[in-house]
C-alpha atoms as a PDB file:
ATOM      1  CA  MET A   1     197.620 129.461  70.578  1.00  0.00           C
ATOM      2  CA  SER A   2     194.844 131.219  68.697  1.00  0.00           C
ATOM      3  CA  MET A   3     192.798 128.004  68.658  1.00  0.00           C
ATOM      4  CA  VAL A   4     193.230 127.589  72.427  1.00  0.00           C
ATOM      5  CA  ALA A   5     192.272 131.240  72.945  1.00  0.00           C
ATOM      6  CA  ASP A   6     189.141 130.803  70.844  1.00  0.00           C
ATOM      7  CA  ILE A   7     188.095 127.726  72.850  1.00  0.00           C
ATOM      8  CA  ILE A   8     188.635 129.525  76.141  1.00  0.00           C
ATOM      9  CA  LYS A   9     186.677 132.527  74.866  1.00  0.00           C
ATOM     10  CA  LYS A  10     183.747 130.360  73.763  1.00  0.00           C
ATOM     11  CA  GLN A  11     183.736 128.472  77.077  1.00  0.00           C
ATOM     12  CA  LYS A  12     184.173 131.602  79.212  1.00  0.00           C
ATOM     13  CA  VAL A  13     180.542 131.858  80.267  1.00  0.00           C
ATOM     14  CA  SER A  14     180.241 128.183  81.257  1.00  0.00           C
ATOM     15  CA  ILE A  15     183.547 128.384  83.148  1.00  0.00           C
ATOM     16  CA  ILE A  16     182.324 131.418  85.104  1.00  0.00           C
ATOM     17  CA  VAL A  17     178.980 129.742  85.906  1.00  0.00           C
ATOM     18  CA  THR A  18     180.700 126.540  87.039  1.00  0.00           C
ATOM     19  CA  ALA A  19     183.108 128.479  89.228  1.00  0.00           C
ATOM     20  CA  ALA A  20     180.215 130.405  90.784  1.00  0.00           C
ATOM     21  CA  VAL A  21     178.326 127.186  91.588  1.00  0.00           C
ATOM     22  CA  VAL A  22     181.434 125.608  93.133  1.00  0.00           C
ATOM     23  CA  LEU A  23     181.999 128.738  95.227  1.00  0.00           C
ATOM     24  CA  LEU A  24     178.384 128.817  96.397  1.00  0.00           C
ATOM     25  CA  VAL A  25     178.425 125.144  97.382  1.00  0.00           C
ATOM     26  CA  SER A  26     181.765 125.576  99.156  1.00  0.00           C
ATOM     27  CA  VAL A  27     180.483 128.541 101.166  1.00  0.00           C
ATOM     28  CA  TYR A  28     177.360 126.602 102.148  1.00  0.00           C
ATOM     29  CA  TYR A  29     179.382 123.506 103.038  1.00  0.00           C
ATOM     30  CA  PHE A  30     181.793 125.303 105.342  1.00  0.00           C
ATOM     31  CA  ALA A  31     179.026 127.441 106.872  1.00  0.00           C
ATOM     32  CA  TRP A  32     176.587 124.623 107.658  1.00  0.00           C
ATOM     33  CA  GLY A  33     178.505 121.383 107.252  1.00  0.00           C
ATOM     34  CA  THR A  34     176.420 119.828 104.469  1.00  0.00           C
ATOM     35  CA  PRO A  35     175.845 120.853 100.881  1.00  0.00           C
ATOM     36  CA  TYR A  36     172.506 122.310  99.930  1.00  0.00           C
ATOM     37  CA  PRO A  37     170.275 119.273  99.298  1.00  0.00           C
ATOM     38  CA  GLY A  38     169.292 118.956  95.668  1.00  0.00           C
ATOM     39  CA  MET A  39     172.237 121.036  94.439  1.00  0.00           C
ATOM     40  CA  LEU A  40     174.731 118.187  94.257  1.00  0.00           C
ATOM     41  CA  PHE A  41     172.597 115.095  93.914  1.00  0.00           C
ATOM     42  CA  VAL A  42     169.187 113.797  92.946  1.00  0.00           C
ATOM     43  CA  TYR A  43     167.023 112.597  95.811  1.00  0.00           C
ATOM     44  CA  ARG A  44     167.044 108.838  95.557  1.00  0.00           C
ATOM     45  CA  ASP A  45     165.680 109.012  99.090  1.00  0.00           C
ATOM     46  CA  ALA A  46     162.081 109.430  97.906  1.00  0.00           C
ATOM     47  CA  ALA A  47     161.701 105.810  96.784  1.00  0.00           C
ATOM     48  CA  VAL A  48     163.113 104.262  99.931  1.00  0.00           C
ATOM     49  CA  TYR A  49     160.569 106.079 102.116  1.00  0.00           C
ATOM     50  CA  ARG A  50     157.544 104.593 100.382  1.00  0.00           C
ATOM     51  CA  ASP A  51     155.810 102.234 102.837  1.00  0.00           C
ATOM     52  CA  MET A  52     158.724 102.612 105.263  1.00  0.00           C
ATOM     53  CA  LYS A  53     158.030 101.920 108.938  1.00  0.00           C
ATOM     54  CA  LEU A  54     159.927 103.873 111.578  1.00  0.00           C
ATOM     55  CA  LYS A  55     160.626 103.571 115.285  1.00  0.00           C
ATOM     56  CA  ALA A  56     162.118 106.276 117.493  1.00  0.00           C
ATOM     57  CA  ASN A  57     164.299 105.806 120.549  1.00  0.00           C
ATOM     58  CA  TYR A  58     165.932 108.430 122.748  1.00  0.00           C
ATOM     59  CA  ALA A  59     169.299 107.085 123.875  1.00  0.00           C
ATOM     60  CA  ASP A  60     171.023 109.556 126.203  1.00  0.00           C
ATOM     61  CA  GLY A  61     168.454 112.182 125.254  1.00  0.00           C
ATOM     62  CA  THR A  62     169.185 111.997 121.506  1.00  0.00           C
ATOM     63  CA  LEU A  63     166.933 110.707 118.740  1.00  0.00           C
ATOM     64  CA  LYS A  64     167.743 107.365 117.092  1.00  0.00           C
ATOM     65  CA  VAL A  65     165.638 106.212 114.135  1.00  0.00           C
ATOM     66  CA  PHE A  66     165.200 102.562 113.114  1.00  0.00           C
ATOM     67  CA  ALA A  67     163.693 101.793 109.744  1.00  0.00           C
ATOM     68  CA  LEU A  68     162.031  98.883 107.985  1.00  0.00           C
ATOM     69  CA  ALA A  69     162.348  99.506 104.230  1.00  0.00           C
ATOM     70  CA  THR A  70     161.637  97.345 101.215  1.00  0.00           C
ATOM     71  CA  PRO A  71     164.709  95.413  99.974  1.00  0.00           C
ATOM     72  CA  ALA A  72     164.250  96.787  96.459  1.00  0.00           C
ATOM     73  CA  ALA A  73     164.310 100.404  97.621  1.00  0.00           C
ATOM     74  CA  LEU A  74     167.264  99.914  99.955  1.00  0.00           C
ATOM     75  CA  SER A  75     169.300  98.026  97.361  1.00  0.00           C
ATOM     76  CA  ALA A  76     169.396 101.208  95.252  1.00  0.00           C
ATOM     77  CA  TYR A  77     171.871 102.633  97.764  1.00  0.00           C
ATOM     78  CA  ARG A  78     175.570 101.920  97.452  1.00  0.00           C
ATOM     79  CA  ALA A  79     177.285 100.292 100.407  1.00  0.00           C
ATOM     80  CA  ALA A  80     180.581 101.908 101.395  1.00  0.00           C
ATOM     81  CA  GLU A  81     181.352  98.733 103.355  1.00  0.00           C
ATOM     82  CA  GLY A  82     179.672  95.352 103.438  1.00  0.00           C
ATOM     83  CA  GLU A  83     176.277  95.247 101.734  1.00  0.00           C
ATOM     84  CA  SER A  84     173.193  97.439 101.565  1.00  0.00           C
ATOM     85  CA  VAL A  85     170.688  94.569 101.743  1.00  0.00           C
ATOM     86  CA  VAL A  86     169.345  93.763 105.203  1.00  0.00           C
ATOM     87  CA  ARG A  87     169.412  90.112 106.258  1.00  0.00           C
ATOM     88  CA  ASP A  88     167.231  88.623 108.972  1.00  0.00           C
ATOM     89  CA  ASN A  89     169.859  89.173 111.686  1.00  0.00           C
ATOM     90  CA  THR A  90     171.786  92.175 110.337  1.00  0.00           C
ATOM     91  CA  VAL A  91     171.607  95.938 110.579  1.00  0.00           C
ATOM     92  CA  VAL A  92     172.624  98.263 107.746  1.00  0.00           C
ATOM     93  CA  ILE A  93     173.769 101.627 109.027  1.00  0.00           C
ATOM     94  CA  GLY A  94     173.722 105.044 107.390  1.00  0.00           C
ATOM     95  CA  TRP A  95     177.021 106.836 106.761  1.00  0.00           C
ATOM     96  CA  ALA A  96     176.832 109.439 109.561  1.00  0.00           C
ATOM     97  CA  GLU A  97     175.402 107.035 112.128  1.00  0.00           C
ATOM     98  CA  GLY A  98     178.086 104.480 111.295  1.00  0.00           C
ATOM     99  CA  ARG A  99     180.800 107.070 111.854  1.00  0.00           C
ATOM    100  CA  MET A 100     179.324 108.025 115.226  1.00  0.00           C
ATOM    101  CA  MET A 101     178.901 104.393 116.336  1.00  0.00           C
ATOM    102  CA  ARG A 102     182.541 103.684 115.494  1.00  0.00           C
ATOM    103  CA  ARG A 103     183.622 106.659 117.612  1.00  0.00           C
ATOM    104  CA  GLU A 104     181.646 105.177 120.492  1.00  0.00           C
ATOM    105  CA  GLY A 105     183.298 101.781 119.991  1.00  0.00           C
ATOM    106  CA  LEU A 106     180.060  99.945 119.175  1.00  0.00           C
ATOM    107  CA  PHE A 107     181.622  98.162 116.198  1.00  0.00           C
ATOM    108  CA  SER A 108     184.760  98.156 114.076  1.00  0.00           C
ATOM    109  CA  GLU A 109     183.751  96.608 110.764  1.00  0.00           C
ATOM    110  CA  PRO A 110     180.949  94.713 109.011  1.00  0.00           C
ATOM    111  CA  GLY A 111     180.557  91.261 110.545  1.00  0.00           C
ATOM    112  CA  ASP A 112     180.822  92.545 114.111  1.00  0.00           C
ATOM    113  CA  THR A 113     177.939  91.768 116.476  1.00  0.00           C
ATOM    114  CA  ILE A 114     176.463  94.562 118.590  1.00  0.00           C
ATOM    115  CA  LYS A 115     175.164  93.105 121.837  1.00  0.00           C
ATOM    116  CA  ASN A 116     171.999  94.424 123.477  1.00  0.00           C
ATOM    117  CA  PHE A 117     171.482  97.092 120.843  1.00  0.00           C
ATOM    118  CA  PHE A 118     168.083  98.539 121.799  1.00  0.00           C
ATOM    119  CA  GLY A 119     166.783  95.056 122.572  1.00  0.00           C
ATOM    120  CA  ILE A 120     168.379  93.117 119.703  1.00  0.00           C
ATOM    121  CA  ASP A 121     171.847  91.622 118.974  1.00  0.00           C
ATOM    122  CA  PRO A 122     172.396  92.418 115.293  1.00  0.00           C
ATOM    123  CA  ILE A 123     175.370  91.715 113.083  1.00  0.00           C
ATOM    124  CA  VAL A 124     176.592  94.782 111.194  1.00  0.00           C
ATOM    125  CA  GLY A 125     175.811  93.880 107.596  1.00  0.00           C
ATOM    126  CA  GLY A 126     177.052  97.071 106.018  1.00  0.00           C
ATOM    127  CA  VAL A 127     177.521 100.830 106.131  1.00  0.00           C
ATOM    128  CA  LEU A 128     175.957 102.870 103.331  1.00  0.00           C
ATOM    129  CA  GLY A 129     177.818 105.444 101.287  1.00  0.00           C
ATOM    130  CA  ARG A 130     177.165 109.093 102.093  1.00  0.00           C
ATOM    131  CA  THR A 131     173.995 110.526 100.544  1.00  0.00           C
ATOM    132  CA  PHE A 132     173.713 113.883 102.370  1.00  0.00           C
ATOM    133  CA  GLY A 133     170.124 112.828 103.080  1.00  0.00           C
ATOM    134  CA  LEU A 134     168.126 111.366 105.960  1.00  0.00           C
ATOM    135  CA  VAL A 135     169.381 107.866 105.134  1.00  0.00           C
ATOM    136  CA  ASP A 136     172.796 108.853 106.517  1.00  0.00           C
ATOM    137  CA  ASP A 137     171.425 108.939 110.073  1.00  0.00           C
ATOM    138  CA  MET A 138     169.245 105.823 110.071  1.00  0.00           C
ATOM    139  CA  HIS A 139     169.516 102.158 111.071  1.00  0.00           C
ATOM    140  CA  PHE A 140     167.865  99.667 108.708  1.00  0.00           C
ATOM    141  CA  VAL A 141     166.725  96.367 110.208  1.00  0.00           C
ATOM    142  CA  SER A 142     164.740  93.294 109.160  1.00  0.00           C
ATOM    143  CA  LYS A 143     161.031  92.790 109.833  1.00  0.00           C
ATOM    144  CA  SER A 144     161.639  90.404 112.735  1.00  0.00           C
ATOM    145  CA  GLN A 145     164.142  92.768 114.339  1.00  0.00           C
ATOM    146  CA  PHE A 146     161.924  95.804 113.798  1.00  0.00           C
ATOM    147  CA  GLU A 147     159.193  94.081 115.811  1.00  0.00           C
ATOM    148  CA  LYS A 148     161.613  93.378 118.686  1.00  0.00           C
ATOM    149  CA  ILE A 149     163.569  96.617 118.815  1.00  0.00           C
ATOM    150  CA  ASP A 150     162.788  99.107 121.569  1.00  0.00           C
ATOM    151  CA  GLY A 151     161.131 102.260 120.277  1.00  0.00           C
ATOM    152  CA  GLU A 152     157.951 104.181 119.515  1.00  0.00           C
ATOM    153  CA  GLU A 153     156.047 103.868 116.251  1.00  0.00           C
ATOM    154  CA  GLY A 154     154.117 106.914 115.081  1.00  0.00           C
ATOM    155  CA  ARG A 155     156.440 109.387 116.759  1.00  0.00           C
ATOM    156  CA  VAL A 156     158.484 110.024 113.595  1.00  0.00           C
ATOM    157  CA  PHE A 157     157.425 109.974 109.955  1.00  0.00           C
ATOM    158  CA  ILE A 158     158.740 111.165 106.614  1.00  0.00           C
ATOM    159  CA  ALA A 159     156.649 113.233 104.223  1.00  0.00           C
ATOM    160  CA  VAL A 160     157.534 113.382 100.524  1.00  0.00           C
ATOM    161  CA  LYS A 161     156.195 116.093  98.244  1.00  0.00           C
ATOM    162  CA  ASP A 162     156.325 115.839  94.449  1.00  0.00           C
ATOM    163  CA  ASN A 163     158.372 112.635  94.758  1.00  0.00           C
ATOM    164  CA  LYS A 164     161.375 114.545  96.122  1.00  0.00           C
ATOM    165  CA  SER A 165     162.722 116.407  99.136  1.00  0.00           C
ATOM    166  CA  PRO A 166     161.774 113.979 101.928  1.00  0.00           C
ATOM    167  CA  LYS A 167     161.130 115.787 105.203  1.00  0.00           C
ATOM    168  CA  LEU A 168     161.468 114.249 108.663  1.00  0.00           C
ATOM    169  CA  PHE A 169     158.757 115.106 111.187  1.00  0.00           C
ATOM    170  CA  PHE A 170     158.883 114.390 114.919  1.00  0.00           C
ATOM    171  CA  VAL A 171     155.411 114.471 116.448  1.00  0.00           C
ATOM    172  CA  LEU A 172     155.242 116.498 119.669  1.00  0.00           C
ATOM    173  CA  ALA A 173     151.944 117.779 121.014  1.00  0.00           C
ATOM    174  CA  ALA A 174     151.817 121.389 122.192  1.00  0.00           C
ATOM    175  CA  GLY A 175     152.410 121.362 125.952  1.00  0.00           C
ATOM    176  CA  GLU A 176     153.928 117.855 125.912  1.00  0.00           C
ATOM    177  CA  THR A 177     157.255 117.263 127.655  1.00  0.00           C
ATOM    178  CA  PRO A 178     159.777 116.278 124.959  1.00  0.00           C
ATOM    179  CA  PRO A 179     161.182 112.745 125.346  1.00  0.00           C
ATOM    180  CA  MET A 180     164.606 113.981 124.175  1.00  0.00           C
ATOM    181  CA  THR A 181     166.861 116.949 124.802  1.00  0.00           C
ATOM    182  CA  LEU A 182     166.078 120.033 122.690  1.00  0.00           C
ATOM    183  CA  PRO A 183     169.044 122.463 122.683  1.00  0.00           C
ATOM    184  CA  PHE A 184     167.575 125.727 121.405  1.00  0.00           C
ATOM    185  CA  ALA A 185     169.692 128.176 119.414  1.00  0.00           C
ATOM    186  CA  GLU A 186     166.690 130.465 118.777  1.00  0.00           C
ATOM    187  CA  GLY A 187     163.347 130.579 120.564  1.00  0.00           C
ATOM    188  CA  SER A 188     162.333 128.292 123.422  1.00  0.00           C
ATOM    189  CA  LEU A 189     159.907 125.518 124.277  1.00  0.00           C
ATOM    190  CA  ALA A 190     157.650 128.129 125.899  1.00  0.00           C
ATOM    191  CA  ASP A 191     157.018 129.539 122.406  1.00  0.00           C
ATOM    192  CA  TYR A 192     155.807 126.167 121.115  1.00  0.00           C
ATOM    193  CA  THR A 193     152.089 126.994 120.924  1.00  0.00           C
ATOM    194  CA  TYR A 194     149.399 127.295 118.269  1.00  0.00           C
ATOM    195  CA  ARG A 195     148.827 130.794 116.900  1.00  0.00           C
ATOM    196  CA  GLU A 196     145.623 132.367 115.613  1.00  0.00           C
ATOM    197  CA  ILE A 197     146.432 134.927 112.904  1.00  0.00           C
ATOM    198  CA  ASN A 198     143.703 136.634 110.887  1.00  0.00           C
ATOM    199  CA  GLY A 199     141.287 133.859 111.781  1.00  0.00           C
ATOM    200  CA  ARG A 200     143.677 131.085 110.651  1.00  0.00           C
ATOM    201  CA  ARG A 201     145.270 128.491 112.897  1.00  0.00           C
ATOM    202  CA  TYR A 202     149.042 128.053 112.615  1.00  0.00           C
ATOM    203  CA  TYR A 203     150.798 124.911 113.800  1.00  0.00           C
ATOM    204  CA  PRO A 204     154.018 125.462 115.804  1.00  0.00           C
ATOM    205  CA  VAL A 205     157.217 124.027 114.286  1.00  0.00           C
ATOM    206  CA  ILE A 206     160.704 123.757 115.758  1.00  0.00           C
ATOM    207  CA  LEU A 207     163.414 123.259 113.139  1.00  0.00           C
ATOM    208  CA  GLY A 208     166.649 121.321 113.355  1.00  0.00           C
ATOM    209  CA  SER A 209     169.789 123.314 112.616  1.00  0.00           C
ATOM    210  CA  GLY A 210     170.409 121.930 109.128  1.00  0.00           C
ATOM    211  CA  GLU A 211     166.797 122.180 108.001  1.00  0.00           C
ATOM    212  CA  ALA A 212     166.601 125.749 109.321  1.00  0.00           C
ATOM    213  CA  ALA A 213     169.748 126.694 107.387  1.00  0.00           C
ATOM    214  CA  MET A 214     168.317 125.226 104.196  1.00  0.00           C
ATOM    215  CA  MET A 215     164.943 126.938 104.636  1.00  0.00           C
ATOM    216  CA  LYS A 216     166.647 130.271 105.311  1.00  0.00           C
ATOM    217  CA  PHE A 217     168.777 129.721 102.209  1.00  0.00           C
ATOM    218  CA  GLU A 218     165.529 129.222 100.253  1.00  0.00           C
ATOM    219  CA  ARG A 219     164.097 132.346 101.913  1.00  0.00           C
ATOM    220  CA  LEU A 220     161.171 130.472 103.404  1.00  0.00           C
ATOM    221  CA  PHE A 221     161.668 132.234 106.738  1.00  0.00           C
ATOM    222  CA  ARG A 222     164.170 134.486 108.530  1.00  0.00           C
ATOM    223  CA  LYS A 223     163.517 134.110 112.247  1.00  0.00           C
ATOM    224  CA  PRO A 224     161.201 132.473 114.807  1.00  0.00           C
ATOM    225  CA  GLY A 225     157.752 133.999 114.617  1.00  0.00           C
ATOM    226  CA  ASP A 226     157.675 133.914 110.820  1.00  0.00           C
ATOM    227  CA  THR A 227     154.811 131.989 109.218  1.00  0.00           C
ATOM    228  CA  ILE A 228     154.636 129.743 106.156  1.00  0.00           C
ATOM    229  CA  ASP A 229     151.273 129.121 104.491  1.00  0.00           C
ATOM    230  CA  GLY A 230     150.511 125.781 102.857  1.00  0.00           C
ATOM    231  CA  PHE A 231     153.516 123.866 104.197  1.00  0.00           C
ATOM    232  CA  PHE A 232     152.583 120.279 103.253  1.00  0.00           C
ATOM    233  CA  GLY A 233     149.002 121.520 103.197  1.00  0.00           C
ATOM    234  CA  ARG A 234     149.090 123.267 106.583  1.00  0.00           C
ATOM    235  CA  ASP A 235     149.852 126.763 107.840  1.00  0.00           C
ATOM    236  CA  ILE A 236     152.804 126.774 110.229  1.00  0.00           C
ATOM    237  CA  VAL A 237     154.677 129.215 112.432  1.00  0.00           C
ATOM    238  CA  ILE A 238     158.374 128.705 113.156  1.00  0.00           C
ATOM    239  CA  THR A 239     158.682 128.864 116.945  1.00  0.00           C
ATOM    240  CA  GLY A 240     162.299 127.814 117.398  1.00  0.00           C
ATOM    241  CA  VAL A 241     165.547 126.583 115.868  1.00  0.00           C
ATOM    242  CA  LEU A 242     167.740 123.973 117.532  1.00  0.00           C
ATOM    243  CA  ALA A 243     171.505 124.091 117.895  1.00  0.00           C
ATOM    244  CA  GLU A 244     173.445 121.495 115.900  1.00  0.00           C
ATOM    245  CA  THR A 245     173.322 118.034 117.511  1.00  0.00           C
ATOM    246  CA  ASP A 246     175.075 115.903 114.851  1.00  0.00           C
ATOM    247  CA  THR A 247     172.012 113.633 114.840  1.00  0.00           C
ATOM    248  CA  ILE A 248     169.057 113.126 112.490  1.00  0.00           C
ATOM    249  CA  ILE A 249     167.006 115.799 114.255  1.00  0.00           C
ATOM    250  CA  ASP A 250     169.288 118.407 112.641  1.00  0.00           C
ATOM    251  CA  MET A 251     167.262 117.836 109.452  1.00  0.00           C
ATOM    252  CA  GLY A 252     163.926 117.497 111.251  1.00  0.00           C
ATOM    253  CA  HIS A 253     160.718 119.378 111.968  1.00  0.00           C
ATOM    254  CA  ILE A 254     159.254 119.063 115.462  1.00  0.00           C
ATOM    255  CA  SER A 255     155.517 119.696 115.226  1.00  0.00           C
ATOM    256  CA  PRO A 256     152.056 118.527 116.339  1.00  0.00           C
ATOM    257  CA  LEU A 257     151.467 117.598 112.681  1.00  0.00           C
ATOM    258  CA  THR A 258     150.890 113.893 112.091  1.00  0.00           C
ATOM    259  CA  ALA A 259     151.390 111.824 108.944  1.00  0.00           C
ATOM    260  CA  ALA A 260     147.667 112.151 108.201  1.00  0.00           C
ATOM    261  CA  ASP A 261     147.883 115.962 108.460  1.00  0.00           C
ATOM    262  CA  THR A 262     150.565 116.235 105.770  1.00  0.00           C
ATOM    263  CA  LYS A 263     148.883 114.121 103.069  1.00  0.00           C
END
């Protein structure tokens, strides 16, 4: 018994720290639905976004993102079902998007064909395992299918800083009518304007619910109207926060910033 007591005593600090981390993650999970990115896993996402091409579509007012990624980068992801490698006529679906598409009856299992899916008829090649990253809400297609699929290029892009923490941006000019529904939890579209503060121009940014929760957790801002200097090289002002949509925009930034602005 004395030996066991000594071991427990020596490990007391590490046990307390581990318990605290588990408690913190649990609180965050049940409060916002996803664990704090970076706390539970390393961002493999960074590699897959290199040279990735994206198209955006707005089915029923919600954002759908289709991606053309290199086979080598995509193969680093584990498939929960089927395979992670995209074939010429297949689509590989992220974990969250696959779950939603099953609820809507679009497919049952890998091998099923989805007819008239945004202009193509792909076979479901696989569903990726959960990553708690942007990959979970994306559709990966082949080069030939990417060229055919209905959607806008240049509307969405992913910025990566320090080879980690990929951030999704949706390009929306100030004063432009959004092509998708924006359910505001804080702020409004009327607030989405440039600000001049102490002679500096601040770009307006609307945050998705999950990204806003993470940025508040990191104490980057507290409420709409707060500013952040040097965000991917630009000064921004948070003008709104969206309600949860259970789509990829929950982890997005809506802004006039383009891919060239964030490099």
